[in-house]
Amino acid sequence: MTKPRRLSLFFLRVAIGWHFAFEALSKIENPDWTAYYYLQASQGPFSGAFHALADSALMPLVDLLNQWGMLAIGLGLILGWFTRIWAYAGMALVFLYFLATPSWPGLEYPAAFEGNYLLVNKNLIECLALWVLALFPSGAPYGLDALFQNKKTAES
C-alpha cells in the first residue's frame, strides 16, 4: 500500500476515533445526559424495541455502556490498537443509532437531527467509513497494531 493511502487511512481512523472520544467525554461530563430521549424519539421498524429499552430498568446500563463504549472505541481507534475490533464495535454502535433514527421518507422527529438526509445520514456514513477501516490494515503502520504485526512477523 502506498504512503498516501496509509496516511489517508490513518487520518480517517484518528478523525473517527476523535469523534467517538469527544462525544463520549461530553456525555460522561454531563451528569444529566441520558440516551432516553434519543431512544424515545425512535421511529421506523425497530422503534418499539428502542422505546421499550428506554422505558426499562436497563436505561442506566444503556447510558453507561454508551458513554464508556464510545470512549473505548474512540481511544482504540486513535491509538490504532486492536483497530479491526474497535472498528467493528463502532460499526455496530453507529448502526444501532441509524436504526433508532433512520432518515427515511415520512419520518419526522421532534427535534432536527444534524446530518439527517433522505435515506442517508451521518450515522450511516460513519458506519461505512468504519467498515473501510475494518477491512484494511488501518492500525498499521501508524498505530499500536504495528507493534503486534512486527512481533508476529519476527516469530514466523
C-alpha atoms as a PDB file:
ATOM      1  CA  MET A   1       0.000   0.000   0.000  1.00  0.00           C
ATOM      2  CA  THR A   2       1.317   3.433  -0.910  1.00  0.00           C
ATOM      3  CA  LYS A   3       2.203   6.013   1.713  1.00  0.00           C
ATOM      4  CA  PRO A   4      -0.662   8.387   0.729  1.00  0.00           C
ATOM      5  CA  ARG A   5      -3.152   5.520   1.137  1.00  0.00           C
ATOM      6  CA  ARG A   6      -1.708   4.555   4.528  1.00  0.00           C
ATOM      7  CA  LEU A   7      -1.856   8.194   5.631  1.00  0.00           C
ATOM      8  CA  SER A   8      -5.439   8.583   4.434  1.00  0.00           C
ATOM      9  CA  LEU A   9      -6.480   5.534   6.484  1.00  0.00           C
ATOM     10  CA  PHE A  10      -4.549   6.893   9.466  1.00  0.00           C
ATOM     11  CA  PHE A  11      -6.257  10.300   9.299  1.00  0.00           C
ATOM     12  CA  LEU A  12      -9.682   8.710   8.782  1.00  0.00           C
ATOM     13  CA  ARG A  13      -9.104   6.386  11.756  1.00  0.00           C
ATOM     14  CA  VAL A  14      -7.944   9.184  14.062  1.00  0.00           C
ATOM     15  CA  ALA A  15     -10.764  11.521  12.977  1.00  0.00           C
ATOM     16  CA  ILE A  16     -13.443   8.923  13.672  1.00  0.00           C
ATOM     17  CA  GLY A  17     -11.715   7.961  16.920  1.00  0.00           C
ATOM     18  CA  TRP A  18     -11.650  11.622  17.936  1.00  0.00           C
ATOM     19  CA  HIS A  19     -15.347  11.934  17.150  1.00  0.00           C
ATOM     20  CA  PHE A  20     -16.177   8.909  19.323  1.00  0.00           C
ATOM     21  CA  ALA A  21     -13.928  10.043  22.191  1.00  0.00           C
ATOM     22  CA  PHE A  22     -15.208  13.631  22.124  1.00  0.00           C
ATOM     23  CA  GLU A  23     -18.853  12.520  22.055  1.00  0.00           C
ATOM     24  CA  ALA A  24     -18.171  10.095  24.910  1.00  0.00           C
ATOM     25  CA  LEU A  25     -16.448  12.691  27.084  1.00  0.00           C
ATOM     26  CA  SER A  26     -19.237  15.213  26.525  1.00  0.00           C
ATOM     27  CA  LYS A  27     -21.732  12.591  27.725  1.00  0.00           C
ATOM     28  CA  ILE A  28     -19.590  11.438  30.663  1.00  0.00           C
ATOM     29  CA  GLU A  29     -19.015  15.014  31.879  1.00  0.00           C
ATOM     30  CA  ASN A  30     -22.733  15.855  31.778  1.00  0.00           C
ATOM     31  CA  PRO A  31     -24.432  14.244  34.792  1.00  0.00           C
ATOM     32  CA  ASP A  32     -27.864  14.878  33.228  1.00  0.00           C
ATOM     33  CA  TRP A  33     -27.087  13.126  29.933  1.00  0.00           C
ATOM     34  CA  THR A  34     -29.144  10.089  29.036  1.00  0.00           C
ATOM     35  CA  ALA A  35     -29.937   8.218  25.839  1.00  0.00           C
ATOM     36  CA  TYR A  36     -33.566   8.057  26.983  1.00  0.00           C
ATOM     37  CA  TYR A  37     -34.797  10.938  24.805  1.00  0.00           C
ATOM     38  CA  TYR A  38     -32.937   9.666  21.725  1.00  0.00           C
ATOM     39  CA  LEU A  39     -34.493   6.227  22.162  1.00  0.00           C
ATOM     40  CA  GLN A  40     -37.944   7.729  22.757  1.00  0.00           C
ATOM     41  CA  ALA A  41     -37.641   9.699  19.501  1.00  0.00           C
ATOM     42  CA  SER A  42     -37.027   6.473  17.590  1.00  0.00           C
ATOM     43  CA  GLN A  43     -39.155   5.762  14.553  1.00  0.00           C
ATOM     44  CA  GLY A  44     -39.059   3.052  11.955  1.00  0.00           C
ATOM     45  CA  PRO A  45     -39.332  -0.734  12.087  1.00  0.00           C
ATOM     46  CA  PHE A  46     -37.395  -1.164  15.351  1.00  0.00           C
ATOM     47  CA  SER A  47     -38.859   1.778  17.270  1.00  0.00           C
ATOM     48  CA  GLY A  48     -40.888  -0.481  19.551  1.00  0.00           C
ATOM     49  CA  ALA A  49     -37.722  -2.181  20.801  1.00  0.00           C
ATOM     50  CA  PHE A  50     -35.969   1.164  21.331  1.00  0.00           C
ATOM     51  CA  HIS A  51     -38.985   2.600  23.179  1.00  0.00           C
ATOM     52  CA  ALA A  52     -39.181  -0.489  25.399  1.00  0.00           C
ATOM     53  CA  LEU A  53     -35.480  -0.201  26.168  1.00  0.00           C
ATOM     54  CA  ALA A  54     -35.887   3.464  27.085  1.00  0.00           C
ATOM     55  CA  ASP A  55     -38.708   2.622  29.476  1.00  0.00           C
ATOM     56  CA  SER A  56     -36.908  -0.336  31.052  1.00  0.00           C
ATOM     57  CA  ALA A  57     -34.820  -0.618  34.200  1.00  0.00           C
ATOM     58  CA  LEU A  58     -31.829  -1.167  31.891  1.00  0.00           C
ATOM     59  CA  MET A  59     -31.580   2.537  30.980  1.00  0.00           C
ATOM     60  CA  PRO A  60     -28.752   3.302  33.455  1.00  0.00           C
ATOM     61  CA  LEU A  61     -26.779   0.380  31.981  1.00  0.00           C
ATOM     62  CA  VAL A  62     -27.541   1.537  28.426  1.00  0.00           C
ATOM     63  CA  ASP A  63     -26.239   5.013  29.304  1.00  0.00           C
ATOM     64  CA  LEU A  64     -23.106   3.610  30.935  1.00  0.00           C
ATOM     65  CA  LEU A  65     -22.336   1.261  28.041  1.00  0.00           C
ATOM     66  CA  ASN A  66     -22.955   4.031  25.535  1.00  0.00           C
ATOM     67  CA  GLN A  67     -20.638   6.503  27.281  1.00  0.00           C
ATOM     68  CA  TRP A  68     -17.752   4.178  28.120  1.00  0.00           C
ATOM     69  CA  GLY A  69     -18.154   2.055  24.990  1.00  0.00           C
ATOM     70  CA  MET A  70     -17.822   5.163  22.842  1.00  0.00           C
ATOM     71  CA  LEU A  71     -14.737   6.206  24.790  1.00  0.00           C
ATOM     72  CA  ALA A  72     -13.117   2.774  24.407  1.00  0.00           C
ATOM     73  CA  ILE A  73     -13.883   2.715  20.682  1.00  0.00           C
ATOM     74  CA  GLY A  74     -12.516   6.241  20.261  1.00  0.00           C
ATOM     75  CA  LEU A  75      -9.287   5.574  22.156  1.00  0.00           C
ATOM     76  CA  GLY A  76      -8.773   2.250  20.394  1.00  0.00           C
ATOM     77  CA  LEU A  77      -9.101   3.934  17.004  1.00  0.00           C
ATOM     78  CA  ILE A  78      -6.917   6.911  17.913  1.00  0.00           C
ATOM     79  CA  LEU A  79      -4.156   4.630  19.197  1.00  0.00           C
ATOM     80  CA  GLY A  80      -4.549   2.124  16.378  1.00  0.00           C
ATOM     81  CA  TRP A  81      -4.767  -0.666  18.961  1.00  0.00           C
ATOM     82  CA  PHE A  82      -6.895  -3.707  18.024  1.00  0.00           C
ATOM     83  CA  THR A  83      -8.218  -1.444  15.303  1.00  0.00           C
ATOM     84  CA  ARG A  84     -10.305  -4.031  13.489  1.00  0.00           C
ATOM     85  CA  ILE A  85     -12.172  -4.982  16.687  1.00  0.00           C
ATOM     86  CA  TRP A  86     -12.862  -1.346  17.599  1.00  0.00           C
ATOM     87  CA  ALA A  87     -13.934  -0.551  14.032  1.00  0.00           C
ATOM     88  CA  TYR A  88     -16.492  -3.373  14.085  1.00  0.00           C
ATOM     89  CA  ALA A  89     -17.670  -2.338  17.569  1.00  0.00           C
ATOM     90  CA  GLY A  90     -18.075   1.237  16.319  1.00  0.00           C
ATOM     91  CA  MET A  91     -19.948  -0.011  13.269  1.00  0.00           C
ATOM     92  CA  ALA A  92     -22.383  -1.940  15.453  1.00  0.00           C
ATOM     93  CA  LEU A  93     -22.986   1.015  17.758  1.00  0.00           C
ATOM     94  CA  VAL A  94     -23.440   3.581  14.982  1.00  0.00           C
ATOM     95  CA  PHE A  95     -25.671   1.208  13.028  1.00  0.00           C
ATOM     96  CA  LEU A  96     -27.894   0.947  16.113  1.00  0.00           C
ATOM     97  CA  TYR A  97     -28.059   4.763  16.117  1.00  0.00           C
ATOM     98  CA  PHE A  98     -29.031   4.630  12.449  1.00  0.00           C
ATOM     99  CA  LEU A  99     -31.762   2.046  13.118  1.00  0.00           C
ATOM    100  CA  ALA A 100     -33.119   4.124  16.005  1.00  0.00           C
ATOM    101  CA  THR A 101     -33.476   7.267  13.897  1.00  0.00           C
ATOM    102  CA  PRO A 102     -33.366   6.300  10.221  1.00  0.00           C
ATOM    103  CA  SER A 103     -33.589   9.114   7.711  1.00  0.00           C
ATOM    104  CA  TRP A 104     -36.381   7.596   5.680  1.00  0.00           C
ATOM    105  CA  PRO A 105     -39.150   9.436   3.863  1.00  0.00           C
ATOM    106  CA  GLY A 106     -42.200  10.155   6.005  1.00  0.00           C
ATOM    107  CA  LEU A 107     -40.407  10.033   9.359  1.00  0.00           C
ATOM    108  CA  GLU A 108     -40.410  13.255  11.318  1.00  0.00           C
ATOM    109  CA  TYR A 109     -38.544  13.666  14.571  1.00  0.00           C
ATOM    110  CA  PRO A 110     -39.421  16.102  17.379  1.00  0.00           C
ATOM    111  CA  ALA A 111     -36.026  17.800  17.102  1.00  0.00           C
ATOM    112  CA  ALA A 112     -33.951  18.202  13.981  1.00  0.00           C
ATOM    113  CA  PHE A 113     -31.116  15.703  13.923  1.00  0.00           C
ATOM    114  CA  GLU A 114     -27.932  17.087  12.460  1.00  0.00           C
ATOM    115  CA  GLY A 115     -26.834  15.400   9.245  1.00  0.00           C
ATOM    116  CA  ASN A 116     -30.152  13.633   8.668  1.00  0.00           C
ATOM    117  CA  TYR A 117     -30.843  13.496   4.929  1.00  0.00           C
ATOM    118  CA  LEU A 118     -33.067  11.463   2.666  1.00  0.00           C
ATOM    119  CA  LEU A 119     -32.091   7.761   3.190  1.00  0.00           C
ATOM    120  CA  VAL A 120     -28.525   8.559   4.254  1.00  0.00           C
ATOM    121  CA  ASN A 121     -27.472  10.245   7.475  1.00  0.00           C
ATOM    122  CA  LYS A 122     -24.175  10.872   9.204  1.00  0.00           C
ATOM    123  CA  ASN A 123     -24.520   7.669  11.229  1.00  0.00           C
ATOM    124  CA  LEU A 124     -24.740   5.553   8.092  1.00  0.00           C
ATOM    125  CA  ILE A 125     -21.772   7.376   6.551  1.00  0.00           C
ATOM    126  CA  GLU A 126     -19.670   6.845   9.697  1.00  0.00           C
ATOM    127  CA  CYS A 127     -20.708   3.192   9.765  1.00  0.00           C
ATOM    128  CA  LEU A 128     -19.481   2.740   6.184  1.00  0.00           C
ATOM    129  CA  ALA A 129     -16.211   4.563   6.946  1.00  0.00           C
ATOM    130  CA  LEU A 130     -15.650   2.239   9.924  1.00  0.00           C
ATOM    131  CA  TRP A 131     -16.211  -0.694   7.593  1.00  0.00           C
ATOM    132  CA  VAL A 132     -13.360   0.570   5.405  1.00  0.00           C
ATOM    133  CA  LEU A 133     -11.138   0.850   8.487  1.00  0.00           C
ATOM    134  CA  ALA A 134     -12.038  -2.719   9.483  1.00  0.00           C
ATOM    135  CA  LEU A 135     -11.271  -4.140   6.041  1.00  0.00           C
ATOM    136  CA  PHE A 136      -7.858  -2.531   5.635  1.00  0.00           C
ATOM    137  CA  PRO A 137      -4.825  -2.622   7.949  1.00  0.00           C
ATOM    138  CA  SER A 138      -5.646   0.849   9.266  1.00  0.00           C
ATOM    139  CA  GLY A 139      -3.911   0.302  12.618  1.00  0.00           C
ATOM    140  CA  ALA A 140      -0.544  -0.231  10.981  1.00  0.00           C
ATOM    141  CA  PRO A 141       1.977   1.194  10.300  1.00  0.00           C
ATOM    142  CA  TYR A 142       0.761   4.297  12.172  1.00  0.00           C
ATOM    143  CA  GLY A 143      -0.642   2.705  15.299  1.00  0.00           C
ATOM    144  CA  LEU A 144      -0.046   0.210  18.053  1.00  0.00           C
ATOM    145  CA  ASP A 145      -1.236  -2.617  15.803  1.00  0.00           C
ATOM    146  CA  ALA A 146       2.120  -2.255  14.036  1.00  0.00           C
ATOM    147  CA  LEU A 147       3.887  -3.487  17.175  1.00  0.00           C
ATOM    148  CA  PHE A 148       1.879  -6.700  17.114  1.00  0.00           C
ATOM    149  CA  GLN A 149       2.365  -7.174  13.366  1.00  0.00           C
ATOM    150  CA  ASN A 150       6.142  -6.795  13.704  1.00  0.00           C
ATOM    151  CA  LYS A 151       6.170  -9.281  16.581  1.00  0.00           C
ATOM    152  CA  LYS A 152       4.174 -11.825  14.578  1.00  0.00           C
ATOM    153  CA  THR A 153       6.441 -11.337  11.568  1.00  0.00           C
ATOM    154  CA  ALA A 154       9.585 -11.811  13.714  1.00  0.00           C
ATOM    155  CA  GLU A 155       8.194 -15.011  15.278  1.00  0.00           C
ATOM    156  CA  SER A 156       7.321 -16.550  11.897  1.00  0.00           C
END
